[in-house]
Every structure is written in C-alpha cells, then in structure tokens.
Amino acid sequence: MEEKLKRVYVPMTETGFYILFCLQEEMHGYNIVQRVKDMTDGEIVISPGTMYGTLSKMEKDGLISFIREEEKRKIYQSTPLGTEILQLEVKRIERLYRNSKGETAVGK
C-alpha cells in the first residue's frame, strides 16, 4: 500500500471511518447517512457536503469505487485498498482501547 495514503487516512476522522465502514457493502450516500445515524444513536449526522466531499476524495484515492447508478443515486463500494486502510484503522482503535484499559498487546 502506498505510504502516502496511509498517512492521509490513518488516523481517520469519525465520519471517514463510518463512511468506509458502511461501504463494505454496496451503498449510496443517503443510505450511508441513515446507517451512521442509526449506528451512533443520532450522535453523528453526516451532512451532504461532508458525505459527497468524502466520497469524491475516497474514490479519487482508490479507496472506494462507483458501482452503478439507481434512480439517480450513485452506488459505491470499498475497494481492496479501502478495506486494507479500514483494517489499519480498526487495529489502531483496538490498540487505543487496549491501552486505555491498561492491557498490552503481548499475550493478548
């Protein structure tokens, strides 16, 4: 993986994380907004500007790809690179969680 992309995306913003997380399956922007709102009990509401700006950047960087259009809605899905970057972020979050609990990676 290109080191530059790792530096750009890890650590991720919460909105970036949730968008990429949702795109593990095919989804359009409005569906992502609703899914994130449900997953976070309404604590995170992604604005259209943030959503479409993030989708555009992630597509340009090769993390997601346009799949098809349905009823004027663009459907996207994570690419293998996007999945790899998401996994790096999940590992980072897991490490933070372990450290917050006083655990170490050794023996865990």
C-alpha atoms as a PDB file:
ATOM      1  CA  MET A   1       0.000   0.000   0.000  1.00  0.00           C
ATOM      2  CA  GLU A   2       1.172   3.461  -0.768  1.00  0.00           C
ATOM      3  CA  GLU A   3       2.612   5.039   2.406  1.00  0.00           C
ATOM      4  CA  LYS A   4       1.223   8.450   1.462  1.00  0.00           C
ATOM      5  CA  LEU A   5      -2.354   7.141   1.571  1.00  0.00           C
ATOM      6  CA  LYS A   6      -1.743   5.557   4.966  1.00  0.00           C
ATOM      7  CA  ARG A   7      -0.560   8.916   6.304  1.00  0.00           C
ATOM      8  CA  VAL A   8      -3.572  10.690   4.779  1.00  0.00           C
ATOM      9  CA  TYR A   9      -6.210   8.283   6.076  1.00  0.00           C
ATOM     10  CA  VAL A  10      -4.824   6.865   9.331  1.00  0.00           C
ATOM     11  CA  PRO A  11      -5.912   8.088  11.798  1.00  0.00           C
ATOM     12  CA  MET A  12      -9.331   8.644  10.251  1.00  0.00           C
ATOM     13  CA  THR A  13     -11.992  11.122  11.124  1.00  0.00           C
ATOM     14  CA  GLU A  14     -15.080   9.535  12.609  1.00  0.00           C
ATOM     15  CA  THR A  15     -17.108  10.405   9.550  1.00  0.00           C
ATOM     16  CA  GLY A  16     -14.458   8.962   7.227  1.00  0.00           C
ATOM     17  CA  PHE A  17     -14.356   5.786   9.288  1.00  0.00           C
ATOM     18  CA  TYR A  18     -18.119   5.322   9.243  1.00  0.00           C
ATOM     19  CA  ILE A  19     -18.382   6.029   5.522  1.00  0.00           C
ATOM     20  CA  LEU A  20     -15.684   3.481   4.675  1.00  0.00           C
ATOM     21  CA  PHE A  21     -17.128   1.027   7.200  1.00  0.00           C
ATOM     22  CA  CYS A  22     -20.573   1.264   5.602  1.00  0.00           C
ATOM     23  CA  LEU A  23     -19.109   0.785   2.133  1.00  0.00           C
ATOM     24  CA  GLN A  24     -18.023  -2.741   2.948  1.00  0.00           C
ATOM     25  CA  GLU A  25     -21.265  -3.380   1.098  1.00  0.00           C
ATOM     26  CA  GLU A  26     -22.759  -1.515  -1.856  1.00  0.00           C
ATOM     27  CA  MET A  27     -24.480   1.660  -0.711  1.00  0.00           C
ATOM     28  CA  HIS A  28     -25.419   5.180  -1.789  1.00  0.00           C
ATOM     29  CA  GLY A  29     -24.790   8.395   0.130  1.00  0.00           C
ATOM     30  CA  TYR A  30     -28.235   8.855   1.660  1.00  0.00           C
ATOM     31  CA  ASN A  31     -28.242   5.248   2.838  1.00  0.00           C
ATOM     32  CA  ILE A  32     -24.838   5.801   4.490  1.00  0.00           C
ATOM     33  CA  VAL A  33     -26.169   8.901   6.297  1.00  0.00           C
ATOM     34  CA  GLN A  34     -29.117   6.913   7.653  1.00  0.00           C
ATOM     35  CA  ARG A  35     -26.986   3.897   8.623  1.00  0.00           C
ATOM     36  CA  VAL A  36     -24.451   6.062  10.502  1.00  0.00           C
ATOM     37  CA  LYS A  37     -27.219   7.941  12.274  1.00  0.00           C
ATOM     38  CA  ASP A  38     -28.728   4.602  13.383  1.00  0.00           C
ATOM     39  CA  MET A  39     -25.367   3.077  14.372  1.00  0.00           C
ATOM     40  CA  THR A  40     -24.446   6.075  16.523  1.00  0.00           C
ATOM     41  CA  ASP A  41     -27.912   6.652  18.032  1.00  0.00           C
ATOM     42  CA  GLY A  42     -28.041  10.005  16.260  1.00  0.00           C
ATOM     43  CA  GLU A  43     -24.744  11.276  17.693  1.00  0.00           C
ATOM     44  CA  ILE A  44     -23.152  11.507  14.256  1.00  0.00           C
ATOM     45  CA  VAL A  45     -25.121  13.018  11.407  1.00  0.00           C
ATOM     46  CA  ILE A  46     -23.121  13.389   8.210  1.00  0.00           C
ATOM     47  CA  SER A  47     -24.007  16.489   6.205  1.00  0.00           C
ATOM     48  CA  PRO A  48     -24.413  16.189   2.423  1.00  0.00           C
ATOM     49  CA  GLY A  49     -21.323  18.361   1.853  1.00  0.00           C
ATOM     50  CA  THR A  50     -19.166  16.151   4.068  1.00  0.00           C
ATOM     51  CA  MET A  51     -20.634  12.980   2.580  1.00  0.00           C
ATOM     52  CA  TYR A  52     -20.127  13.845  -1.056  1.00  0.00           C
ATOM     53  CA  GLY A  53     -16.767  15.523  -0.489  1.00  0.00           C
ATOM     54  CA  THR A  54     -15.518  12.424   1.324  1.00  0.00           C
ATOM     55  CA  LEU A  55     -16.932  10.042  -1.291  1.00  0.00           C
ATOM     56  CA  SER A  56     -15.272  12.056  -4.045  1.00  0.00           C
ATOM     57  CA  LYS A  57     -11.884  12.083  -2.295  1.00  0.00           C
ATOM     58  CA  MET A  58     -12.046   8.369  -1.410  1.00  0.00           C
ATOM     59  CA  GLU A  59     -12.992   7.491  -4.986  1.00  0.00           C
ATOM     60  CA  LYS A  60     -10.149   9.629  -6.380  1.00  0.00           C
ATOM     61  CA  ASP A  61      -7.704   7.936  -3.971  1.00  0.00           C
ATOM     62  CA  GLY A  62      -8.928   4.453  -4.907  1.00  0.00           C
ATOM     63  CA  LEU A  63     -10.480   3.511  -1.549  1.00  0.00           C
ATOM     64  CA  ILE A  64     -13.970   3.153  -2.996  1.00  0.00           C
ATOM     65  CA  SER A  65     -15.349   2.662  -6.460  1.00  0.00           C
ATOM     66  CA  PHE A  66     -18.524   3.673  -8.225  1.00  0.00           C
ATOM     67  CA  ILE A  67     -20.573   0.540  -8.903  1.00  0.00           C
ATOM     68  CA  ARG A  68     -23.706   1.781 -10.675  1.00  0.00           C
ATOM     69  CA  GLU A  69     -26.476   4.361 -10.577  1.00  0.00           C
ATOM     70  CA  GLU A  70     -30.002   3.537  -9.377  1.00  0.00           C
ATOM     71  CA  GLU A  71     -32.770   6.137  -9.534  1.00  0.00           C
ATOM     72  CA  LYS A  72     -30.209   8.954  -9.814  1.00  0.00           C
ATOM     73  CA  ARG A  73     -28.299   7.674  -6.758  1.00  0.00           C
ATOM     74  CA  LYS A  74     -24.691   6.616  -7.128  1.00  0.00           C
ATOM     75  CA  ILE A  75     -23.850   3.284  -5.507  1.00  0.00           C
ATOM     76  CA  TYR A  76     -20.310   2.842  -4.142  1.00  0.00           C
ATOM     77  CA  GLN A  77     -18.352   0.038  -2.502  1.00  0.00           C
ATOM     78  CA  SER A  78     -14.983  -0.233  -0.813  1.00  0.00           C
ATOM     79  CA  THR A  79     -12.057  -1.448  -2.923  1.00  0.00           C
ATOM     80  CA  PRO A  80      -9.409  -3.854  -1.591  1.00  0.00           C
ATOM     81  CA  LEU A  81      -7.266  -0.786  -0.798  1.00  0.00           C
ATOM     82  CA  GLY A  82     -10.158   0.770   1.128  1.00  0.00           C
ATOM     83  CA  THR A  83     -10.647  -2.449   3.071  1.00  0.00           C
ATOM     84  CA  GLU A  84      -6.933  -2.559   3.879  1.00  0.00           C
ATOM     85  CA  ILE A  85      -6.946   1.026   5.155  1.00  0.00           C
ATOM     86  CA  LEU A  86     -10.115   0.375   7.175  1.00  0.00           C
ATOM     87  CA  GLN A  87      -8.428  -2.617   8.813  1.00  0.00           C
ATOM     88  CA  LEU A  88      -5.402  -0.487   9.718  1.00  0.00           C
ATOM     89  CA  GLU A  89      -7.726   1.983  11.402  1.00  0.00           C
ATOM     90  CA  VAL A  90      -9.601  -0.775  13.249  1.00  0.00           C
ATOM     91  CA  LYS A  91      -6.284  -2.132  14.559  1.00  0.00           C
ATOM     92  CA  ARG A  92      -5.306   1.372  15.675  1.00  0.00           C
ATOM     93  CA  ILE A  93      -8.618   1.812  17.514  1.00  0.00           C
ATOM     94  CA  GLU A  94      -8.289  -1.624  19.117  1.00  0.00           C
ATOM     95  CA  ARG A  95      -4.782  -0.690  20.317  1.00  0.00           C
ATOM     96  CA  LEU A  96      -6.107   2.553  21.793  1.00  0.00           C
ATOM     97  CA  TYR A  97      -8.844   0.625  23.567  1.00  0.00           C
ATOM     98  CA  ARG A  98      -6.405  -1.966  24.968  1.00  0.00           C
ATOM     99  CA  ASN A  99      -4.085   0.779  26.167  1.00  0.00           C
ATOM    100  CA  SER A 100      -6.955   2.654  27.810  1.00  0.00           C
ATOM    101  CA  LYS A 101      -7.717  -0.495  29.787  1.00  0.00           C
ATOM    102  CA  GLY A 102      -4.078  -0.950  30.829  1.00  0.00           C
ATOM    103  CA  GLU A 103      -3.652  -4.007  28.620  1.00  0.00           C
ATOM    104  CA  THR A 104      -0.701  -4.654  26.361  1.00  0.00           C
ATOM    105  CA  ALA A 105      -0.537  -6.401  23.011  1.00  0.00           C
ATOM    106  CA  VAL A 106       1.814  -9.026  24.459  1.00  0.00           C
ATOM    107  CA  GLY A 107      -0.166 -12.092  25.428  1.00  0.00           C
ATOM    108  CA  LYS A 108      -3.453 -10.731  24.133  1.00  0.00           C
END
